[in-house]
Protein backbone atom coordinates (compact mmCIF):
# COMPACT_ATOMS: atom_id res chain seq x y z
CA GLN A 1 -0.13 -0.20 -0.02
CA THR A 2 2.67 2.27 0.74
CA GLN A 3 4.59 1.65 -2.66
CA THR A 4 1.26 2.43 -4.35
CA SER A 5 0.94 5.80 -2.59
CA ASN A 6 4.43 6.63 -3.66
CA ASN A 7 3.56 5.98 -7.21
CA ILE A 8 0.70 8.10 -7.18
CA ASN A 9 2.54 10.99 -5.88
CA LYS A 10 5.37 10.57 -8.27
CA VAL A 11 5.45 13.17 -11.06
CA THR A 12 5.95 10.81 -13.73
CA SER A 13 3.89 7.98 -12.55
CA GLN A 14 1.32 6.51 -15.10
CA HIS A 15 -1.05 5.19 -12.13
CA PRO A 16 -4.57 6.08 -13.27
CA GLU A 17 -4.88 8.01 -9.86
CA ALA A 18 -2.01 9.67 -10.42
CA ILE A 19 -2.87 11.00 -13.94
CA ILE A 20 -6.24 12.17 -12.63
CA LYS A 21 -4.44 13.80 -9.83
CA ARG A 22 -2.14 15.62 -12.26
CA GLN A 23 -5.05 16.68 -14.47
CA LYS A 24 -6.84 18.25 -11.39
CA GLN A 25 -3.98 20.20 -10.39
CA GLN A 26 -3.17 21.55 -13.78
CA GLN A 27 -6.77 22.60 -14.08
CA GLY A 28 -6.66 24.26 -10.66
CA GLY A 29 -3.51 25.96 -11.59
CA ASN A 30 -4.75 27.30 -14.79
CA ASN A 31 -7.88 28.51 -13.11
CA ASN A 32 -5.92 30.28 -10.54
CA THR A 33 -3.44 31.83 -12.68
CA ASN A 34 -6.27 33.25 -15.14
CA SER A 35 -8.27 34.87 -12.10
CA LYS A 36 -5.15 36.63 -10.83
CA ARG A 37 -3.37 37.53 -13.90
CA ARG A 38 -3.65 41.12 -14.97
CA ASN A 39 -5.04 41.74 -18.41
CA HIS A 40 -2.41 44.04 -19.96
CA ASN A 41 -3.54 46.04 -22.94
CA PHE A 42 -0.63 48.18 -23.91
CA ALA A 43 -2.69 50.42 -26.26
CA GLN A 44 -4.93 51.45 -23.53
CA ARG A 45 -1.92 51.70 -21.29
CA ALA A 46 -0.31 54.19 -23.48
CA GLU A 47 -3.71 56.12 -23.86
CA TYR A 48 -3.88 56.00 -20.10
CA LEU A 49 -0.45 57.47 -19.31
CA SER A 50 -0.68 60.40 -21.84
CA GLU A 51 -4.49 61.28 -21.22
CA GLY A 52 -5.06 64.88 -21.12
CA THR A 53 -1.82 65.99 -22.12
CA ASP A 54 -2.47 67.58 -25.57
CA GLU A 55 -5.72 69.58 -24.83
CA GLN A 56 -6.70 69.98 -21.06
CA PHE A 57 -3.04 69.88 -19.76
CA GLY A 58 -1.21 71.71 -22.30
CA PHE A 59 1.29 74.53 -21.80
CA ASN A 60 1.29 78.12 -23.36
CA ASP A 61 3.22 78.57 -26.59
CA ASN A 62 4.83 81.71 -25.34
CA LEU A 63 8.18 80.51 -23.80
CA ASP A 64 9.05 83.75 -22.65
CA GLN A 65 6.46 83.63 -19.57
CA LEU A 66 6.66 81.34 -16.73
CA THR A 67 2.96 81.06 -16.16
CA LEU A 68 1.31 77.99 -17.31
CA THR A 69 -2.25 77.56 -18.47
CA THR A 70 -4.53 76.80 -15.62
CA ILE A 71 -5.60 73.09 -15.44
CA PRO A 72 -9.28 72.11 -15.18
CA LYS A 73 -10.17 71.82 -11.78
CA THR A 74 -13.29 69.90 -10.42
CA GLN A 75 -16.40 71.39 -10.03
CA GLY A 76 -16.87 75.02 -8.44
CA ASP A 77 -14.48 77.81 -8.06
CA THR A 78 -13.33 76.78 -4.52
CA THR A 79 -9.99 77.95 -3.22
CA ILE A 80 -6.87 75.73 -2.30
CA ASP A 81 -7.82 76.12 1.59
CA ASP A 82 -11.56 75.08 0.59
CA ARG A 83 -10.16 72.05 -1.39
CA ALA A 84 -7.97 70.97 1.33
CA ALA A 85 -10.70 71.50 4.15
CA ASN A 86 -13.15 69.26 1.85
CA ASN A 87 -10.32 66.53 1.14
CA ILE A 88 -10.75 67.12 -2.46
CA GLN A 89 -7.83 65.96 -4.50
CA PHE A 90 -6.08 68.80 -6.15
CA HIS A 91 -3.57 67.22 -8.55
CA GLN A 92 -4.48 63.66 -9.41
CA LEU A 93 -2.00 61.21 -10.09
CA HIS A 94 -1.57 57.85 -11.52
CA SER A 95 0.96 56.62 -8.82
CA GLN A 96 -0.44 54.59 -5.89
CA ARG A 97 2.05 55.68 -3.32
CA VAL A 98 1.74 59.23 -4.26
CA SER A 99 -1.83 59.55 -5.43
CA LYS A 100 -2.08 63.28 -5.25
CA LEU A 101 -0.38 66.59 -4.62
CA ASP A 102 -1.63 69.23 -2.28
CA GLU A 103 -0.38 71.34 0.51
CA LYS A 104 0.73 68.60 2.33
CA THR A 105 2.97 67.05 -0.08
CA THR A 106 6.57 66.79 0.97
CA ALA A 107 9.65 66.88 -1.45
CA ASP A 108 10.16 63.20 -0.88
CA ASP A 109 6.72 62.60 -2.25
CA VAL A 110 7.71 64.99 -5.42
CA VAL A 111 10.62 62.87 -5.99
CA LYS A 112 9.08 59.51 -5.76
CA ALA A 113 6.44 60.78 -8.24
CA ILE A 114 8.85 62.30 -10.63
CA LYS A 115 11.02 59.08 -10.71
CA ARG A 116 7.67 56.80 -11.37
CA ALA A 117 6.54 59.41 -14.19
CA GLN A 118 9.81 59.09 -15.60
CA ASN A 119 10.38 55.18 -15.50
CA LEU A 120 6.76 54.58 -16.75
CA HIS A 121 6.85 57.58 -19.37
CA ASP A 122 3.71 58.99 -17.61
CA GLU A 123 3.30 62.11 -19.46
CA HIS A 124 0.12 62.95 -17.41
CA ASP A 125 1.82 62.81 -14.13
CA VAL A 126 4.71 64.89 -15.44
CA VAL A 127 2.53 67.74 -16.16
CA GLU A 128 0.59 67.61 -13.18
CA ILE A 129 4.10 67.78 -11.15
CA ALA A 130 5.01 70.65 -13.54
CA HIS A 131 1.91 72.52 -12.66
CA PHE A 132 2.28 71.75 -8.98
CA LEU A 133 6.12 73.17 -8.61
CA LEU A 134 5.53 75.88 -11.19
CA GLU A 135 2.22 77.35 -10.15
CA GLU A 136 1.00 75.99 -6.69
CA VAL A 137 4.23 76.40 -4.48
CA ASP A 138 6.55 79.08 -4.07
CA GLN A 139 10.47 79.41 -3.70
CA SER A 140 10.32 78.20 0.13
CA PHE A 141 8.68 74.90 -0.81
CA ALA A 142 10.82 71.92 0.41
CA TYR A 143 13.14 74.05 2.36
CA GLY A 144 15.00 75.43 -0.38
CA TYR A 145 15.09 72.16 -2.21
CA ARG A 146 12.77 73.39 -5.03
CA GLY A 147 15.50 74.10 -7.31
CA SER A 148 16.75 70.43 -7.04
CA LEU A 149 12.99 69.29 -7.70
CA LEU A 150 12.64 71.42 -10.95
CA SER A 151 16.05 70.02 -12.08
CA ARG A 152 14.84 66.48 -11.62
CA LEU A 153 11.57 67.24 -13.29
CA ALA A 154 13.64 68.94 -16.11
CA VAL A 155 15.67 65.84 -16.89
CA ALA A 156 12.26 63.81 -16.57
CA SER A 157 10.74 65.75 -19.11
CA LEU A 158 13.66 65.51 -21.61
CA HIS A 159 13.24 61.76 -21.07
CA LEU A 160 9.82 62.08 -22.36
CA GLN A 161 10.86 64.33 -25.24
CA ASN A 162 8.67 67.15 -23.41
CA TYR A 163 10.97 70.12 -23.92
CA ASP A 164 8.45 72.83 -23.00
CA ILE A 165 8.14 71.61 -19.53
CA ALA A 166 12.15 71.37 -19.38
CA LYS A 167 12.61 74.89 -20.71
CA ARG A 168 10.13 76.30 -18.00
CA CYS A 169 11.97 74.47 -15.40
CA ILE A 170 15.44 75.42 -16.23
CA ILE A 171 14.28 78.93 -16.50
CA GLU A 172 12.60 79.09 -13.03
CA ARG A 173 15.52 77.27 -11.64
CA ARG A 174 17.82 79.86 -13.09
CA ILE A 175 16.14 82.96 -11.86
CA SER A 176 14.87 81.79 -8.34
CA HIS A 177 17.49 79.16 -7.30
CA ARG A 178 20.69 80.16 -8.98
CA SER A 179 22.82 80.18 -5.52
CA SER A 180 21.66 76.58 -4.79
CA MET A 181 22.18 75.05 -8.45
CA LEU A 182 24.64 72.10 -8.18
CA PRO A 183 26.99 70.88 -10.89
CA LEU A 184 25.62 67.47 -11.00
CA GLU A 185 22.27 68.79 -11.69
CA SER A 186 23.32 70.98 -14.61
CA ALA A 187 25.23 68.13 -16.06
CA ALA A 188 22.23 65.69 -16.13
CA ILE A 189 20.23 68.64 -17.65
CA VAL A 190 23.09 69.02 -20.57
CA ARG A 191 23.00 65.21 -21.18
CA GLY A 192 19.01 65.40 -21.47
CA LEU A 193 19.06 68.22 -24.01
CA LEU A 194 21.76 66.33 -26.11
CA ARG A 195 19.40 63.17 -26.16
CA CYS A 196 16.56 65.52 -27.31
CA HIS A 197 19.09 67.08 -30.08
CA HIS A 198 18.77 70.34 -28.36
CA THR A 199 22.50 71.16 -28.79
CA MET A 200 22.42 74.74 -28.73
CA GLU A 201 20.32 74.83 -25.67
CA ALA A 202 22.84 72.56 -24.09
CA TRP A 203 25.74 74.81 -24.77
CA GLU A 204 23.77 77.63 -23.25
CA VAL A 205 23.08 75.59 -20.03
CA LEU A 206 26.85 74.40 -19.87
CA GLU A 207 28.29 78.09 -20.41
CA ASP A 208 25.75 79.52 -17.82
CA GLU A 209 25.73 76.78 -14.94
CA LEU A 210 28.98 75.27 -15.76
CA SER A 211 31.25 78.10 -16.65
CA LEU A 212 34.72 78.46 -15.91
CA PRO A 213 35.60 80.23 -12.62
CA LEU A 214 36.67 83.82 -13.20
CA GLU A 215 40.48 84.58 -13.07
CA GLY A 216 41.53 85.45 -9.76
CA SER A 217 38.19 84.29 -7.93
CA VAL A 218 39.87 81.16 -6.66
CA GLN A 219 43.38 80.76 -5.32
CA TRP A 220 44.64 77.44 -6.53
CA GLU A 221 48.13 77.60 -4.83
CA ASN A 222 48.91 75.28 -1.96
CA TYR A 223 45.45 73.68 -2.12
CA ASN A 224 46.73 70.25 -0.84
CA GLU A 225 48.83 71.71 2.07
CA GLU A 226 45.97 73.89 3.35
CA ASN A 227 43.55 70.83 3.08
CA ASN A 228 45.74 68.69 5.11
CA LYS A 229 46.13 71.47 7.57
CA ARG A 230 42.37 71.68 7.92
CA ASN A 231 41.99 67.91 8.39
CA LYS A 232 44.68 67.93 11.13
CA ASN A 233 43.30 71.18 12.94
CA GLU A 234 39.44 71.06 12.85
CA MET A 235 37.55 73.91 14.32
CA ASN A 236 34.72 73.88 16.44
CA ASP A 237 33.88 77.11 17.54
CA ASP A 238 31.18 77.69 14.98
CA GLU A 239 32.59 80.65 13.42
CA LEU A 240 33.15 81.37 9.63
CA HIS A 241 37.02 80.95 8.93
CA LEU A 242 38.71 82.40 5.73
CA GLU A 243 40.45 79.23 5.55
CA ASP A 244 37.40 77.23 5.30
CA GLU A 245 35.64 79.49 3.05
CA SER A 246 38.38 79.41 0.57
CA ILE A 247 38.50 75.76 0.63
CA ARG A 248 34.89 75.46 0.36
CA ARG A 249 35.10 77.84 -3.10
CA ARG A 250 38.01 75.82 -4.31
CA LEU A 251 35.81 72.51 -3.76
CA GLU A 252 32.94 73.99 -5.51
CA ALA A 253 35.16 75.09 -8.31
CA ARG A 254 36.84 71.82 -8.76
CA ASP A 255 33.32 70.01 -8.81
CA LYS A 256 32.00 72.19 -11.59
CA LEU A 257 35.63 71.79 -13.45
CA VAL A 258 34.87 68.07 -13.44
CA HIS A 259 31.18 68.09 -14.47
CA ARG A 260 32.06 70.82 -17.29
CA ALA A 261 34.53 68.65 -18.80
CA ARG A 262 32.47 65.44 -18.67
CA SER A 263 29.64 67.36 -20.30
CA ILE A 264 31.98 68.78 -22.98
CA SER A 265 33.03 65.31 -23.87
CA SER A 266 29.43 63.98 -23.99
CA ILE A 267 28.85 66.64 -26.52
CA ALA A 268 32.01 65.95 -28.50
CA SER A 269 31.35 62.00 -28.55
CA ARG A 270 27.64 62.59 -29.55
CA HIS A 271 28.55 64.96 -32.68
CA PHE A 272 31.32 62.35 -33.57
CA TYR A 273 29.08 59.28 -33.63
CA GLU A 274 26.18 61.21 -35.42
CA MET A 275 28.70 61.89 -38.18
CA GLU A 276 29.23 65.78 -37.39
CA PRO A 277 32.86 66.23 -37.10
CA THR A 278 32.95 69.91 -37.19
CA GLU A 279 30.96 70.21 -34.12
CA GLY A 280 32.87 67.58 -32.61
CA ILE A 281 36.06 69.24 -33.36
CA ASN A 282 34.96 72.56 -31.78
CA ALA A 283 33.85 70.55 -28.79
CA VAL A 284 37.13 69.02 -28.19
CA GLY A 285 38.73 72.52 -28.93
CA LYS A 286 36.73 73.74 -25.75
CA LEU A 287 38.00 70.61 -23.87
CA LYS A 288 41.47 71.42 -24.75
CA GLU A 289 41.18 74.90 -23.24
CA MET A 290 40.58 73.58 -19.84
CA GLY A 291 43.74 71.56 -19.70
CA GLY A 292 45.76 74.54 -17.86
CA ILE A 293 43.12 75.12 -15.22
CA VAL A 294 42.48 71.59 -14.63
CA HIS A 295 46.16 71.14 -13.73
CA GLN A 296 46.12 74.25 -11.45
CA ALA A 297 43.20 72.79 -9.53
CA GLY A 298 45.08 69.51 -8.92
CA LEU A 299 42.77 67.19 -10.72
CA THR A 300 43.93 63.76 -11.65
CA ALA A 301 42.78 61.64 -14.47
CA GLU A 302 40.55 59.42 -12.23
CA ASP A 303 38.86 62.82 -10.73
CA VAL A 304 38.19 64.27 -14.36
CA GLY A 305 36.98 60.63 -15.73
CA ILE A 306 36.86 61.69 -19.24
CA PRO A 307 36.02 58.61 -21.58
CA TRP A 308 38.99 59.11 -24.14
CA ASP A 309 38.51 55.73 -25.64
CA ARG A 310 35.13 56.52 -26.59
CA LEU A 311 36.23 59.95 -28.25
CA VAL A 312 38.88 58.31 -30.08
CA LYS A 313 36.70 55.66 -31.36
CA GLY A 314 34.29 58.36 -32.45
CA ALA A 315 36.69 60.62 -33.99
CA ALA A 316 38.22 57.45 -35.93
CA LEU A 317 34.70 56.58 -37.22
CA CYS A 318 34.50 59.96 -38.59
CA GLU A 319 38.07 59.65 -40.27
CA SER A 320 37.08 56.37 -41.64
CA LYS A 321 34.09 58.18 -43.42
CA ARG A 322 36.10 60.85 -44.61
CA ARG A 323 38.71 58.64 -46.18
CA ASP A 324 35.53 57.04 -47.75
CA GLY A 325 34.60 60.30 -49.55
CA ALA A 326 31.69 60.98 -47.32
CA TRP A 327 32.37 64.81 -47.58
CA ASP A 328 34.19 65.13 -50.66
CA ASN A 329 31.43 66.97 -52.55
CA ILE A 330 30.29 69.50 -49.95
CA ASP A 331 29.87 73.17 -50.54
CA GLU A 332 31.07 74.71 -47.81
CA SER A 333 30.01 78.38 -48.90
CA GLY A 334 26.25 77.24 -49.33
CA ASP A 335 25.17 76.28 -46.07
CA ALA A 336 26.44 77.72 -42.52
CA THR A 337 25.47 74.69 -40.81
CA ALA A 338 27.45 72.27 -43.28
CA GLU A 339 30.61 70.41 -42.58
CA THR A 340 33.76 72.10 -43.31
CA PRO A 341 36.45 69.52 -44.34
CA SER A 342 38.91 72.29 -45.29
CA SER A 343 39.34 73.38 -41.63
CA TRP A 344 39.90 69.83 -40.45
CA PRO A 345 43.41 68.48 -39.54
CA CYS A 346 44.94 65.80 -41.58
CA ASN A 347 43.54 63.08 -39.06
CA ILE A 348 40.44 64.01 -36.89
CA VAL A 349 41.89 61.81 -34.13
CA TYR A 350 44.79 64.28 -33.86
CA THR A 351 42.15 66.83 -32.02
CA VAL A 352 41.53 64.28 -29.41
CA LEU A 353 45.17 63.53 -28.98
CA ASP A 354 45.99 67.09 -28.39
CA ALA A 355 43.14 67.46 -25.78
CA MET A 356 44.59 64.26 -24.08
CA ILE A 357 48.04 65.85 -23.85
CA ALA A 358 46.47 69.15 -22.54
CA PHE A 359 44.87 67.08 -19.68
CA PRO A 360 46.57 64.92 -16.80
CA SER A 361 47.80 61.71 -18.30
CA GLU A 362 45.39 58.49 -18.14
CA ASN A 363 47.55 55.29 -18.43
CA LYS A 364 44.85 52.96 -19.39
CA ASP A 365 45.27 50.08 -22.05
CA VAL A 366 42.06 50.74 -23.50
CA THR A 367 42.62 54.22 -24.38
CA PHE A 368 45.98 53.54 -26.04
CA GLU A 369 44.62 50.67 -27.86
CA ALA A 370 42.20 52.73 -29.32
CA LEU A 371 44.38 55.46 -30.17
CA CYS A 372 47.04 53.08 -31.78
CA ASN A 373 44.10 51.51 -33.86
CA ALA A 374 43.19 54.93 -35.14
CA LEU A 375 46.60 56.17 -36.12
CA VAL A 376 48.03 53.08 -37.69
CA ARG A 377 45.23 52.75 -40.12
CA ARG A 378 46.63 56.17 -41.52
CA THR A 379 50.14 54.33 -42.34
CA VAL A 380 50.98 52.67 -45.76
CA PHE A 381 52.80 49.67 -45.44
CA VAL A 382 55.06 48.78 -48.51
């Protein structure tokens, strides 16, 4: 009897009771699966995430004004206070964790809503969050972190190809929160603009928010010595010391230099891989101009972190297309935006090599391998 029960419980058993048992389990599993499984309709999902973004929640076409069009509210002309008192949802979101935005909303709630909207490409929620941050709250919202929230919203809007919202966030952040702008946020906005092919706007943000420090504004001499002295003799008297202030300015300037260099390298590599050598060469020239101040700031190759191998490969790709005659029949005088092969060096990779020499040396095998492969192909072996 024990052997019979074991045969019934075996998965591969051909005992009649075992076969009936497996059939019942399979039918029960299918029924449970069908009852609990969600019915995904991706067409309806896309319509749900973008509902109301074209008509009801559209923005004004006049980009010179920061005032946005008023979104449709619920019935009645009640004020914000009346809605909060009546528990009426003010800005409805699709998110389950942050279902609405009202006067009780915190900065953490806004960050969660922005991340979800960016990951799910929820255009409706992005527009609602934009109305909340740009219309409903003032500069003191989130204890001064409103500028960071606007930068996150700008990046999320660019991720969804919504340049209108991103432009308003950038302008409002530049006007009201310039003193609290972080280089990391500015670099993220530059990369987002590049992904949307707004190259001119990316350069404007770069030169405005990641500009080089003015000559004489930062003293780079004896930076390491003063930094070591500060670490040994920590001051705990809660007073503002000139030594600490100078070090703080140097750290901020170094951080801005790092993100400026990385942003310019992103611009250059994108132009090279999109077969726009002239713009890529100009960007690499901007990168080369930073070499002197990078050395003065005491930055190393690891601190800057420029992907030289990617720049070399992109320049080599343009050089390969050039040798194949891709730009032989271009009329340079006809269009101002056309490529100008006459101004290029004999090898486009030379521009990247000059910038590498201006910066702190980076001894990586990957970079030198890409550089050797790009330059050796110009040699004719007999």
